[in-house]
PDB file of N, CA and C in Angstrom:
ATOM      1  N   MET A   1       0.745  -1.102   0.003  1.00  0.00           N
ATOM      2  CA  MET A   1       0.075   0.035   0.029  1.00  0.00           C
ATOM      3  C   MET A   1       0.991   1.241   0.012  1.00  0.00           C
ATOM      4  N   ARG A   2       0.793   2.191  -0.981  1.00  0.00           N
ATOM      5  CA  ARG A   2       1.442   3.304  -1.106  1.00  0.00           C
ATOM      6  C   ARG A   2       0.779   4.482  -0.070  1.00  0.00           C
ATOM      7  N   THR A   3       1.569   5.313   0.167  1.00  0.00           N
ATOM      8  CA  THR A   3       0.982   6.602   0.864  1.00  0.00           C
ATOM      9  C   THR A   3       1.387   7.750   0.090  1.00  0.00           C
ATOM     10  N   HIS A   4       0.415   8.369  -0.243  1.00  0.00           N
ATOM     11  CA  HIS A   4       0.883   9.951  -0.858  1.00  0.00           C
ATOM     12  C   HIS A   4       1.371  10.771   0.223  1.00  0.00           C
ATOM     13  N   GLN A   5       2.609  11.349  -0.243  1.00  0.00           N
ATOM     14  CA  GLN A   5       2.937  12.491   0.901  1.00  0.00           C
ATOM     15  C   GLN A   5       3.538  13.460  -0.438  1.00  0.00           C
ATOM     16  N   GLY A   6       3.183  14.435  -0.358  1.00  0.00           N
ATOM     17  CA  GLY A   6       3.622  15.561  -1.289  1.00  0.00           C
ATOM     18  C   GLY A   6       4.926  16.101  -0.510  1.00  0.00           C
ATOM     19  N   ASN A   7       5.514  17.123  -1.562  1.00  0.00           N
ATOM     20  CA  ASN A   7       6.573  17.936  -1.032  1.00  0.00           C
ATOM     21  C   ASN A   7       6.356  19.033   0.237  1.00  0.00           C
ATOM     22  N   SER A   8       5.262  19.483   0.147  1.00  0.00           N
ATOM     23  CA  SER A   8       4.838  20.532   1.264  1.00  0.00           C
ATOM     24  C   SER A   8       3.771  20.130   2.002  1.00  0.00           C
ATOM     25  N   ARG A   9       3.750  20.745   3.139  1.00  0.00           N
ATOM     26  CA  ARG A   9       2.612  20.283   4.286  1.00  0.00           C
ATOM     27  C   ARG A   9       1.168  20.346   3.636  1.00  0.00           C
ATOM     28  N   LYS A  10       1.234  21.319   2.908  1.00  0.00           N
ATOM     29  CA  LYS A  10      -0.070  21.601   2.157  1.00  0.00           C
ATOM     30  C   LYS A  10      -0.764  20.611   1.420  1.00  0.00           C
ATOM     31  N   GLU A  11       0.194  20.091   0.487  1.00  0.00           N
ATOM     32  CA  GLU A  11       0.048  18.903  -0.224  1.00  0.00           C
ATOM     33  C   GLU A  11      -0.326  17.510   0.662  1.00  0.00           C
ATOM     34  N   PHE A  12       0.404  17.582   1.877  1.00  0.00           N
ATOM     35  CA  PHE A  12       0.197  16.369   2.686  1.00  0.00           C
ATOM     36  C   PHE A  12      -1.032  16.120   3.502  1.00  0.00           C
ATOM     37  N   MET A  13      -1.484  17.689   3.868  1.00  0.00           N
ATOM     38  CA  MET A  13      -2.700  17.798   4.742  1.00  0.00           C
ATOM     39  C   MET A  13      -3.996  18.444   3.886  1.00  0.00           C
ATOM     40  N   ASN A  14      -4.212  17.736   2.677  1.00  0.00           N
ATOM     41  CA  ASN A  14      -5.517  18.245   2.035  1.00  0.00           C
ATOM     42  C   ASN A  14      -6.734  17.740   2.824  1.00  0.00           C
ATOM     43  N   SER A  15      -7.717  18.501   2.553  1.00  0.00           N
ATOM     44  CA  SER A  15      -8.882  18.334   2.969  1.00  0.00           C
ATOM     45  C   SER A  15      -9.539  17.014   2.758  1.00  0.00           C
ATOM     46  N   VAL A  16     -10.432  16.239   3.368  1.00  0.00           N
ATOM     47  CA  VAL A  16     -10.984  15.007   2.935  1.00  0.00           C
ATOM     48  C   VAL A  16     -11.634  15.296   1.537  1.00  0.00           C
ATOM     49  N   SER A  17     -12.415  16.423   1.413  1.00  0.00           N
ATOM     50  CA  SER A  17     -13.144  16.731   0.235  1.00  0.00           C
ATOM     51  C   SER A  17     -12.149  16.498  -1.272  1.00  0.00           C
ATOM     52  N   ALA A  18     -11.183  17.273  -0.932  1.00  0.00           N
ATOM     53  CA  ALA A  18      -9.981  17.214  -1.786  1.00  0.00           C
ATOM     54  C   ALA A  18      -9.386  15.928  -2.100  1.00  0.00           C
ATOM     55  N   CYS A  19      -9.058  15.146  -1.001  1.00  0.00           N
ATOM     56  CA  CYS A  19      -8.515  13.941  -1.221  1.00  0.00           C
ATOM     57  C   CYS A  19      -9.638  12.862  -1.945  1.00  0.00           C
ATOM     58  N   VAL A  20     -11.088  12.838  -1.683  1.00  0.00           N
ATOM     59  CA  VAL A  20     -12.144  12.365  -2.150  1.00  0.00           C
ATOM     60  C   VAL A  20     -12.428  12.703  -3.804  1.00  0.00           C
ATOM     61  N   ASN A  21     -12.208  13.974  -4.072  1.00  0.00           N
ATOM     62  CA  ASN A  21     -12.269  14.454  -5.221  1.00  0.00           C
ATOM     63  C   ASN A  21     -11.302  13.952  -6.206  1.00  0.00           C
ATOM     64  N   LYS A  22     -10.010  14.108  -5.827  1.00  0.00           N
ATOM     65  CA  LYS A  22      -8.738  13.352  -6.386  1.00  0.00           C
ATOM     66  C   LYS A  22      -9.272  11.791  -6.863  1.00  0.00           C
ATOM     67  N   ALA A  23      -9.694  11.038  -5.905  1.00  0.00           N
ATOM     68  CA  ALA A  23      -9.940   9.686  -5.787  1.00  0.00           C
ATOM     69  C   ALA A  23     -10.950   9.729  -7.273  1.00  0.00           C
ATOM     70  N   VAL A  24     -11.907  10.180  -7.088  1.00  0.00           N
ATOM     71  CA  VAL A  24     -12.994  10.144  -7.890  1.00  0.00           C
ATOM     72  C   VAL A  24     -12.703  10.167  -9.359  1.00  0.00           C
ATOM     73  N   THR A  25     -11.690  11.207  -9.615  1.00  0.00           N
ATOM     74  CA  THR A  25     -11.387  11.442 -10.807  1.00  0.00           C
ATOM     75  C   THR A  25     -10.501  10.526 -11.213  1.00  0.00           C
ATOM     76  N   GLU A  26     -10.000   9.496 -10.299  1.00  0.00           N
ATOM     77  CA  GLU A  26      -9.032   8.224 -10.941  1.00  0.00           C
ATOM     78  C   GLU A  26      -9.915   7.331 -10.909  1.00  0.00           C
ATOM     79  N   GLY A  27     -11.225   7.479 -10.658  1.00  0.00           N
ATOM     80  CA  GLY A  27     -12.175   6.197 -10.677  1.00  0.00           C
ATOM     81  C   GLY A  27     -12.674   5.461  -9.655  1.00  0.00           C
ATOM     82  N   TYR A  28     -12.226   6.059  -8.414  1.00  0.00           N
ATOM     83  CA  TYR A  28     -12.993   5.435  -7.073  1.00  0.00           C
ATOM     84  C   TYR A  28     -14.143   6.247  -6.827  1.00  0.00           C
ATOM     85  N   SER A  29     -15.282   5.792  -7.348  1.00  0.00           N
ATOM     86  CA  SER A  29     -16.169   6.768  -7.303  1.00  0.00           C
ATOM     87  C   SER A  29     -17.390   6.047  -6.223  1.00  0.00           C
ATOM     88  N   GLU A  30     -17.185   4.871  -5.825  1.00  0.00           N
ATOM     89  CA  GLU A  30     -18.190   4.320  -4.837  1.00  0.00           C
ATOM     90  C   GLU A  30     -17.649   4.824  -3.359  1.00  0.00           C
ATOM     91  N   CYS A  31     -18.621   5.057  -2.518  1.00  0.00           N
ATOM     92  CA  CYS A  31     -18.464   5.329  -1.191  1.00  0.00           C
ATOM     93  C   CYS A  31     -18.666   4.091  -0.385  1.00  0.00           C
ATOM     94  N   PHE A  32     -17.719   4.020   0.556  1.00  0.00           N
ATOM     95  CA  PHE A  32     -17.555   2.749   1.464  1.00  0.00           C
ATOM     96  C   PHE A  32     -17.605   3.055   2.912  1.00  0.00           C
ATOM     97  N   LYS A  33     -18.425   2.230   3.626  1.00  0.00           N
ATOM     98  CA  LYS A  33     -18.393   2.507   5.086  1.00  0.00           C
ATOM     99  C   LYS A  33     -18.125   0.914   5.904  1.00  0.00           C
ATOM    100  N   VAL A  34     -17.684   1.112   6.549  1.00  0.00           N
ATOM    101  CA  VAL A  34     -17.362  -0.344   7.496  1.00  0.00           C
ATOM    102  C   VAL A  34     -18.357  -0.576   8.630  1.00  0.00           C
ATOM    103  N   THR A  35     -19.237  -1.834   8.421  1.00  0.00           N
ATOM    104  CA  THR A  35     -20.019  -2.122   9.704  1.00  0.00           C
ATOM    105  C   THR A  35     -19.691  -3.366  10.109  1.00  0.00           C
ATOM    106  N   THR A  36     -20.706  -3.870  10.886  1.00  0.00           N
ATOM    107  CA  THR A  36     -20.110  -5.092  11.673  1.00  0.00           C
ATOM    108  C   THR A  36     -20.329  -6.163  10.744  1.00  0.00           C
ATOM    109  N   ARG A  37     -20.862  -6.038   9.643  1.00  0.00           N
ATOM    110  CA  ARG A  37     -20.884  -7.048   8.620  1.00  0.00           C
ATOM    111  C   ARG A  37     -20.093  -6.997   7.600  1.00  0.00           C
ATOM    112  N   GLY A  38     -19.071  -6.015   7.642  1.00  0.00           N
ATOM    113  CA  GLY A  38     -17.954  -5.667   6.565  1.00  0.00           C
ATOM    114  C   GLY A  38     -18.047  -4.556   5.821  1.00  0.00           C
ATOM    115  N   LEU A  39     -17.275  -4.527   4.765  1.00  0.00           N
ATOM    116  CA  LEU A  39     -17.018  -3.215   3.940  1.00  0.00           C
ATOM    117  C   LEU A  39     -18.383  -3.047   3.300  1.00  0.00           C
ATOM    118  N   TYR A  40     -19.060  -2.075   3.237  1.00  0.00           N
ATOM    119  CA  TYR A  40     -20.315  -1.828   2.635  1.00  0.00           C
ATOM    120  C   TYR A  40     -20.402  -0.395   1.516  1.00  0.00           C
ATOM    121  N   ALA A  41     -20.871  -1.083   0.255  1.00  0.00           N
ATOM    122  CA  ALA A  41     -20.595  -0.341  -0.979  1.00  0.00           C
ATOM    123  C   ALA A  41     -22.231   0.615  -0.856  1.00  0.00           C
ATOM    124  N   LEU A  42     -22.055   1.853  -0.644  1.00  0.00           N
ATOM    125  CA  LEU A  42     -23.379   2.420  -0.404  1.00  0.00           C
ATOM    126  C   LEU A  42     -24.406   2.356  -1.899  1.00  0.00           C
ATOM    127  N   SER A  43     -23.766   2.554  -3.079  1.00  0.00           N
ATOM    128  CA  SER A  43     -24.700   2.901  -4.000  1.00  0.00           C
ATOM    129  C   SER A  43     -24.965   1.492  -4.427  1.00  0.00           C
ATOM    130  N   LYS A  44     -24.311   0.326  -4.138  1.00  0.00           N
ATOM    131  CA  LYS A  44     -24.319  -1.217  -4.820  1.00  0.00           C
ATOM    132  C   LYS A  44     -25.072  -1.824  -3.766  1.00  0.00           C
ATOM    133  N   SER A  45     -25.288  -1.235  -2.409  1.00  0.00           N
ATOM    134  CA  SER A  45     -25.980  -2.242  -1.355  1.00  0.00           C
ATOM    135  C   SER A  45     -25.289  -3.493  -1.169  1.00  0.00           C
ATOM    136  N   ARG A  46     -24.118  -3.739  -1.301  1.00  0.00           N
ATOM    137  CA  ARG A  46     -23.362  -5.013  -1.322  1.00  0.00           C
ATOM    138  C   ARG A  46     -22.294  -4.768  -0.097  1.00  0.00           C
ATOM    139  N   TYR A  47     -22.148  -6.080   0.409  1.00  0.00           N
ATOM    140  CA  TYR A  47     -21.017  -6.131   1.616  1.00  0.00           C
ATOM    141  C   TYR A  47     -20.078  -6.882   1.038  1.00  0.00           C
ATOM    142  N   TYR A  48     -18.706  -6.634   1.783  1.00  0.00           N
ATOM    143  CA  TYR A  48     -17.389  -7.158   1.283  1.00  0.00           C
ATOM    144  C   TYR A  48     -16.586  -7.466   2.691  1.00  0.00           C
ATOM    145  N   ARG A  49     -15.838  -8.828   2.296  1.00  0.00           N
ATOM    146  CA  ARG A  49     -15.107  -9.349   3.549  1.00  0.00           C
ATOM    147  C   ARG A  49     -13.786  -8.775   3.221  1.00  0.00           C
ATOM    148  N   PRO A  50     -12.875  -8.956   4.234  1.00  0.00           N
ATOM    149  CA  PRO A  50     -11.541  -8.454   3.859  1.00  0.00           C
ATOM    150  C   PRO A  50     -10.913  -9.031   2.703  1.00  0.00           C
ATOM    151  N   GLU A  51     -11.323 -10.215   2.325  1.00  0.00           N
ATOM    152  CA  GLU A  51     -10.497 -11.045   1.739  1.00  0.00           C
ATOM    153  C   GLU A  51     -10.996 -10.698   0.209  1.00  0.00           C
ATOM    154  N   GLN A  52     -12.058  -9.784  -0.064  1.00  0.00           N
ATOM    155  CA  GLN A  52     -12.481  -9.530  -1.048  1.00  0.00           C
ATOM    156  C   GLN A  52     -12.428  -8.026  -1.336  1.00  0.00           C
ATOM    157  N   VAL A  53     -11.334  -7.664  -0.843  1.00  0.00           N
ATOM    158  CA  VAL A  53     -10.823  -6.164  -1.135  1.00  0.00           C
ATOM    159  C   VAL A  53      -9.549  -5.871  -1.192  1.00  0.00           C
ATOM    160  N   GLN A  54      -8.851  -5.065  -1.810  1.00  0.00           N
ATOM    161  CA  GLN A  54      -7.614  -4.715  -2.235  1.00  0.00           C
ATOM    162  C   GLN A  54      -7.517  -3.188  -1.895  1.00  0.00           C
ATOM    163  N   LEU A  55      -6.460  -2.921  -0.761  1.00  0.00           N
ATOM    164  CA  LEU A  55      -6.180  -1.446  -0.473  1.00  0.00           C
ATOM    165  C   LEU A  55      -5.107  -0.951  -1.545  1.00  0.00           C
ATOM    166  N   ILE A  56      -5.791  -0.016  -2.347  1.00  0.00           N
ATOM    167  CA  ILE A  56      -4.872   0.342  -3.462  1.00  0.00           C
ATOM    168  C   ILE A  56      -3.950   1.397  -2.969  1.00  0.00           C
ATOM    169  N   ASP A  57      -4.474   2.436  -2.331  1.00  0.00           N
ATOM    170  CA  ASP A  57      -3.689   3.773  -1.788  1.00  0.00           C
ATOM    171  C   ASP A  57      -4.485   4.125  -0.561  1.00  0.00           C
ATOM    172  N   THR A  58      -3.451   5.000   0.325  1.00  0.00           N
ATOM    173  CA  THR A  58      -3.871   5.764   1.304  1.00  0.00           C
ATOM    174  C   THR A  58      -3.394   7.270   1.323  1.00  0.00           C
ATOM    175  N   TYR A  59      -4.553   7.912   1.349  1.00  0.00           N
ATOM    176  CA  TYR A  59      -4.344   9.291   1.550  1.00  0.00           C
ATOM    177  C   TYR A  59      -4.315  10.077   2.764  1.00  0.00           C
ATOM    178  N   PRO A  60      -3.446  10.523   3.474  1.00  0.00           N
ATOM    179  CA  PRO A  60      -3.748  11.254   4.664  1.00  0.00           C
ATOM    180  C   PRO A  60      -4.258  12.975   4.244  1.00  0.00           C
ATOM    181  N   CYS A  61      -5.284  12.918   5.197  1.00  0.00           N
ATOM    182  CA  CYS A  61      -5.873  14.151   4.817  1.00  0.00           C
ATOM    183  C   CYS A  61      -6.276  14.761   5.997  1.00  0.00           C
ATOM    184  N   GLU A  62      -7.013  16.006   5.986  1.00  0.00           N
ATOM    185  CA  GLU A  62      -7.535  16.695   7.397  1.00  0.00           C
ATOM    186  C   GLU A  62      -9.100  16.647   7.409  1.00  0.00           C
ATOM    187  N   ALA A  63      -9.661  16.364   8.699  1.00  0.00           N
ATOM    188  CA  ALA A  63     -11.041  16.583   9.113  1.00  0.00           C
ATOM    189  C   ALA A  63     -11.425  17.120  10.069  1.00  0.00           C
ATOM    190  N   GLN A  64     -11.994  18.291  10.179  1.00  0.00           N
ATOM    191  CA  GLN A  64     -12.417  18.773  11.170  1.00  0.00           C
ATOM    192  C   GLN A  64     -11.158  19.214  11.991  1.00  0.00           C
ATOM    193  N   GLY A  65     -10.094  19.509  11.351  1.00  0.00           N
ATOM    194  CA  GLY A  65      -8.790  20.255  11.821  1.00  0.00           C
ATOM    195  C   GLY A  65      -8.008  18.742  12.577  1.00  0.00           C
ATOM    196  N   GLN A  66      -8.466  17.411  12.440  1.00  0.00           N
ATOM    197  CA  GLN A  66      -7.438  16.347  12.674  1.00  0.00           C
ATOM    198  C   GLN A  66      -6.983  15.816  11.467  1.00  0.00           C
ATOM    199  N   LYS A  67      -5.956  15.027  11.722  1.00  0.00           N
ATOM    200  CA  LYS A  67      -5.395  14.001  10.847  1.00  0.00           C
ATOM    201  C   LYS A  67      -6.268  12.765  10.658  1.00  0.00           C
ATOM    202  N   THR A  68      -6.504  12.556   9.476  1.00  0.00           N
ATOM    203  CA  THR A  68      -7.642  11.415   8.946  1.00  0.00           C
ATOM    204  C   THR A  68      -6.834  10.660   7.800  1.00  0.00           C
ATOM    205  N   LEU A  69      -7.359   9.498   7.360  1.00  0.00           N
ATOM    206  CA  LEU A  69      -6.774   8.691   6.345  1.00  0.00           C
ATOM    207  C   LEU A  69      -8.194   8.428   5.643  1.00  0.00           C
ATOM    208  N   MET A  70      -7.902   8.434   4.249  1.00  0.00           N
ATOM    209  CA  MET A  70      -9.069   7.944   3.115  1.00  0.00           C
ATOM    210  C   MET A  70      -8.175   7.067   2.429  1.00  0.00           C
ATOM    211  N   TYR A  71      -8.618   5.884   2.335  1.00  0.00           N
ATOM    212  CA  TYR A  71      -8.278   4.606   1.386  1.00  0.00           C
ATOM    213  C   TYR A  71      -9.154   4.555   0.315  1.00  0.00           C
ATOM    214  N   ALA A  72      -8.133   4.188  -0.645  1.00  0.00           N
ATOM    215  CA  ALA A  72      -8.725   3.887  -2.059  1.00  0.00           C
ATOM    216  C   ALA A  72      -8.783   2.368  -2.137  1.00  0.00           C
ATOM    217  N   ILE A  73      -9.958   1.960  -2.470  1.00  0.00           N
ATOM    218  CA  ILE A  73     -10.384   0.300  -2.247  1.00  0.00           C
ATOM    219  C   ILE A  73     -10.625  -0.183  -3.597  1.00  0.00           C
ATOM    220  N   GLU A  74     -10.605  -1.521  -4.147  1.00  0.00           N
ATOM    221  CA  GLU A  74     -11.083  -1.977  -5.058  1.00  0.00           C
ATOM    222  C   GLU A  74     -11.554  -3.407  -4.766  1.00  0.00           C
ATOM    223  N   THR A  75     -12.544  -3.794  -5.091  1.00  0.00           N
ATOM    224  CA  THR A  75     -13.219  -5.272  -4.537  1.00  0.00           C
ATOM    225  C   THR A  75     -13.097  -6.207  -5.606  1.00  0.00           C
ATOM    226  N   SER A  76     -13.184  -7.370  -5.151  1.00  0.00           N
ATOM    227  CA  SER A  76     -12.902  -8.581  -6.173  1.00  0.00           C
ATOM    228  C   SER A  76     -13.765  -8.481  -7.450  1.00  0.00           C
ATOM    229  N   ASP A  77     -15.116  -7.866  -7.249  1.00  0.00           N
ATOM    230  CA  ASP A  77     -15.740  -7.630  -8.339  1.00  0.00           C
ATOM    231  C   ASP A  77     -15.647  -6.320  -9.314  1.00  0.00           C
ATOM    232  N   GLY A  78     -14.694  -5.729  -8.862  1.00  0.00           N
ATOM    233  CA  GLY A  78     -14.156  -4.339  -9.678  1.00  0.00           C
ATOM    234  C   GLY A  78     -15.053  -3.134  -9.007  1.00  0.00           C
ATOM    235  N   VAL A  79     -15.369  -3.074  -8.176  1.00  0.00           N
ATOM    236  CA  VAL A  79     -16.159  -1.884  -7.650  1.00  0.00           C
ATOM    237  C   VAL A  79     -14.884  -1.106  -6.791  1.00  0.00           C
ATOM    238  N   LYS A  80     -14.675   0.210  -7.318  1.00  0.00           N
ATOM    239  CA  LYS A  80     -13.791   1.258  -6.917  1.00  0.00           C
ATOM    240  C   LYS A  80     -14.226   2.335  -6.183  1.00  0.00           C
ATOM    241  N   GLY A  81     -13.618   2.513  -4.982  1.00  0.00           N
ATOM    242  CA  GLY A  81     -14.217   3.482  -4.098  1.00  0.00           C
ATOM    243  C   GLY A  81     -13.571   3.915  -2.937  1.00  0.00           C
ATOM    244  N   THR A  82     -13.840   4.749  -1.865  1.00  0.00           N
ATOM    245  CA  THR A  82     -12.851   5.344  -1.046  1.00  0.00           C
ATOM    246  C   THR A  82     -13.585   5.047   0.361  1.00  0.00           C
ATOM    247  N   LEU A  83     -12.776   4.964   1.370  1.00  0.00           N
ATOM    248  CA  LEU A  83     -13.274   4.952   2.608  1.00  0.00           C
ATOM    249  C   LEU A  83     -12.770   5.658   3.697  1.00  0.00           C
ATOM    250  N   VAL A  84     -13.295   6.578   4.456  1.00  0.00           N
ATOM    251  CA  VAL A  84     -12.657   7.866   4.936  1.00  0.00           C
ATOM    252  C   VAL A  84     -12.942   7.305   6.440  1.00  0.00           C
ATOM    253  N   ASP A  85     -11.583   7.109   7.219  1.00  0.00           N
ATOM    254  CA  ASP A  85     -11.365   7.059   8.705  1.00  0.00           C
ATOM    255  C   ASP A  85     -11.582   7.941   9.364  1.00  0.00           C
ATOM    256  N   SER A  86     -12.666   8.522   9.612  1.00  0.00           N
ATOM    257  CA  SER A  86     -12.776  10.059  10.266  1.00  0.00           C
ATOM    258  C   SER A  86     -12.354   9.984  11.614  1.00  0.00           C
ATOM    259  N   PRO A  87     -11.577  11.023  12.272  1.00  0.00           N
ATOM    260  CA  PRO A  87     -11.417  11.033  13.407  1.00  0.00           C
ATOM    261  C   PRO A  87     -12.514  10.890  14.570  1.00  0.00           C
ATOM    262  N   GLY A  88     -12.200  10.405  15.692  1.00  0.00           N
ATOM    263  CA  GLY A  88     -13.287  10.420  16.713  1.00  0.00           C
ATOM    264  C   GLY A  88     -14.759   9.714  16.443  1.00  0.00           C
ATOM    265  N   GLY A  89     -14.656   9.042  15.194  1.00  0.00           N
ATOM    266  CA  GLY A  89     -16.054   8.385  14.698  1.00  0.00           C
ATOM    267  C   GLY A  89     -16.270   7.271  15.327  1.00  0.00           C
ATOM    268  N   VAL A  90     -17.472   6.740  15.431  1.00  0.00           N
ATOM    269  CA  VAL A  90     -17.664   5.698  16.155  1.00  0.00           C
ATOM    270  C   VAL A  90     -17.299   4.455  15.657  1.00  0.00           C
ATOM    271  N   MET A  91     -17.192   4.388  14.433  1.00  0.00           N
ATOM    272  CA  MET A  91     -16.592   2.935  13.835  1.00  0.00           C
ATOM    273  C   MET A  91     -15.172   3.301  13.654  1.00  0.00           C
ATOM    274  N   ASP A  92     -14.375   3.830  14.054  1.00  0.00           N
ATOM    275  CA  ASP A  92     -12.891   3.814  14.036  1.00  0.00           C
ATOM    276  C   ASP A  92     -12.304   2.626  14.366  1.00  0.00           C
ATOM    277  N   GLY A  93     -12.542   1.780  15.363  1.00  0.00           N
ATOM    278  CA  GLY A  93     -12.205   0.471  15.678  1.00  0.00           C
ATOM    279  C   GLY A  93     -12.424  -0.422  14.595  1.00  0.00           C
ATOM    280  N   ASN A  94     -13.857  -0.438  14.184  1.00  0.00           N
ATOM    281  CA  ASN A  94     -14.073  -1.422  13.102  1.00  0.00           C
ATOM    282  C   ASN A  94     -13.217  -1.168  11.901  1.00  0.00           C
ATOM    283  N   ILE A  95     -12.889   0.178  11.489  1.00  0.00           N
ATOM    284  CA  ILE A  95     -12.527   0.577  10.149  1.00  0.00           C
ATOM    285  C   ILE A  95     -10.982  -0.043  10.424  1.00  0.00           C
ATOM    286  N   ASP A  96     -10.279   0.092  11.768  1.00  0.00           N
ATOM    287  CA  ASP A  96      -8.708  -0.188  11.876  1.00  0.00           C
ATOM    288  C   ASP A  96      -8.767  -1.752  11.537  1.00  0.00           C
ATOM    289  N   LYS A  97      -9.661  -2.486  12.370  1.00  0.00           N
ATOM    290  CA  LYS A  97      -9.635  -3.804  12.341  1.00  0.00           C
ATOM    291  C   LYS A  97      -9.731  -4.491  10.930  1.00  0.00           C
ATOM    292  N   PHE A  98     -10.722  -3.832  10.158  1.00  0.00           N
ATOM    293  CA  PHE A  98     -11.024  -4.530   9.020  1.00  0.00           C
ATOM    294  C   PHE A  98      -9.809  -4.127   7.911  1.00  0.00           C
ATOM    295  N   ILE A  99      -8.937  -2.874   7.877  1.00  0.00           N
ATOM    296  CA  ILE A  99      -7.866  -2.606   7.072  1.00  0.00           C
ATOM    297  C   ILE A  99      -6.857  -3.696   7.786  1.00  0.00           C
ATOM    298  N   ALA A 100      -6.657  -3.653   8.706  1.00  0.00           N
ATOM    299  CA  ALA A 100      -5.577  -4.742   9.494  1.00  0.00           C
ATOM    300  C   ALA A 100      -5.881  -5.983   8.874  1.00  0.00           C
ATOM    301  N   GLU A 101      -7.032  -6.546   9.003  1.00  0.00           N
ATOM    302  CA  GLU A 101      -7.339  -7.981   8.387  1.00  0.00           C
ATOM    303  C   GLU A 101      -7.058  -7.919   6.825  1.00  0.00           C
ATOM    304  N   ALA A 102      -7.571  -7.117   5.985  1.00  0.00           N
ATOM    305  CA  ALA A 102      -7.362  -6.936   4.617  1.00  0.00           C
ATOM    306  C   ALA A 102      -5.775  -7.001   4.168  1.00  0.00           C
ATOM    307  N   GLU A 103      -5.113  -6.139   4.868  1.00  0.00           N
ATOM    308  CA  GLU A 103      -3.460  -6.270   4.867  1.00  0.00           C
ATOM    309  C   GLU A 103      -2.899  -7.411   4.850  1.00  0.00           C
ATOM    310  N   GLU A 104      -3.471  -7.954   6.164  1.00  0.00           N
ATOM    311  CA  GLU A 104      -2.635  -9.500   6.751  1.00  0.00           C
ATOM    312  C   GLU A 104      -3.020 -10.626   5.657  1.00  0.00           C
ATOM    313  N   ILE A 105      -4.107 -10.337   5.163  1.00  0.00           N
ATOM    314  CA  ILE A 105      -4.661 -11.473   3.696  1.00  0.00           C
ATOM    315  C   ILE A 105      -3.893 -11.164   2.724  1.00  0.00           C
ATOM    316  N   ARG A 106      -3.655  -9.666   2.227  1.00  0.00           N
ATOM    317  CA  ARG A 106      -2.909  -9.316   1.131  1.00  0.00           C
ATOM    318  C   ARG A 106      -1.191 -10.229   1.538  1.00  0.00           C
ATOM    319  N   ARG A 107      -0.972  -9.724   2.735  1.00  0.00           N
ATOM    320  CA  ARG A 107       0.744 -10.327   2.863  1.00  0.00           C
ATOM    321  C   ARG A 107       0.709 -11.889   3.069  1.00  0.00           C
ATOM    322  N   GLN A 108      -0.227 -12.322   3.426  1.00  0.00           N
ATOM    323  CA  GLN A 108      -0.366 -14.130   3.313  1.00  0.00           C
ATOM    324  C   GLN A 108      -0.504 -14.548   1.878  1.00  0.00           C
ATOM    325  N   THR A 109      -1.027 -13.759   1.008  1.00  0.00           N
ATOM    326  CA  THR A 109      -1.355 -14.620  -0.061  1.00  0.00           C
ATOM    327  C   THR A 109       0.407 -13.987  -0.894  1.00  0.00           C
ATOM    328  N   ALA A 110       0.636 -13.008  -0.498  1.00  0.00           N
ATOM    329  CA  ALA A 110       1.992 -12.568  -1.232  1.00  0.00           C
ATOM    330  C   ALA A 110       3.040 -13.502  -0.945  1.00  0.00           C
ATOM    331  N   ARG A 111       3.081 -13.765   0.411  1.00  0.00           N
ATOM    332  CA  ARG A 111       4.140 -14.949   0.771  1.00  0.00           C
ATOM    333  C   ARG A 111       3.534 -16.303   0.188  1.00  0.00           C
ATOM    334  N   HIS A 112       2.587 -16.677  -0.011  1.00  0.00           N
ATOM    335  CA  HIS A 112       2.164 -18.058  -0.427  1.00  0.00           C
ATOM    336  C   HIS A 112       2.583 -17.996  -1.977  1.00  0.00           C
ATOM    337  N   ASN A 113       2.253 -17.223  -2.865  1.00  0.00           N
ATOM    338  CA  ASN A 113       2.363 -16.658  -4.158  1.00  0.00           C
ATOM    339  C   ASN A 113       4.277 -16.906  -4.325  1.00  0.00           C
ATOM    340  N   GLN A 114       4.850 -16.244  -3.388  1.00  0.00           N
ATOM    341  CA  GLN A 114       6.261 -16.513  -3.403  1.00  0.00           C
ATOM    342  C   GLN A 114       6.961 -18.013  -3.376  1.00  0.00           C
ATOM    343  N   HIS A 115       5.938 -18.756  -2.392  1.00  0.00           N
ATOM    344  CA  HIS A 115       6.550 -19.907  -2.339  1.00  0.00           C
ATOM    345  C   HIS A 115       6.203 -20.851  -3.841  1.00  0.00           C
ATOM    346  N   LEU A 116       5.504 -20.474  -4.440  1.00  0.00           N
ATOM    347  CA  LEU A 116       4.892 -21.361  -5.559  1.00  0.00           C
ATOM    348  C   LEU A 116       5.996 -21.147  -6.819  1.00  0.00           C
ATOM    349  N   CYS A 117       6.654 -19.759  -6.721  1.00  0.00           N
ATOM    350  CA  CYS A 117       7.684 -19.862  -7.876  1.00  0.00           C
ATOM    351  C   CYS A 117       8.863 -20.596  -7.785  1.00  0.00           C
TER     352      CYS A 117
END
């Protein structure tokens, strides 16, 4: 997973809306949220498990004067969108857990694939 970090503090601390707008121009138009059932695609009314998503990029942003992260995500069925980890939000723990699980699955898959070569 890459993290966008510009050359200046202003580039690093874009507003969430600027981060989302940039992601949308790159084709990440779906809005995701994490629930107890998994990652939920709002416009598709679909849930995804950690093994069904790939974290494409991470954008550090600013929301309400606090640092936050926006994730660019692609699902196994090709849905591309963003997930914003809002500071102080009720679901922060669930977002952290979901992202950690998705990353661990990605690492395990990469290790497994290395052994097959």
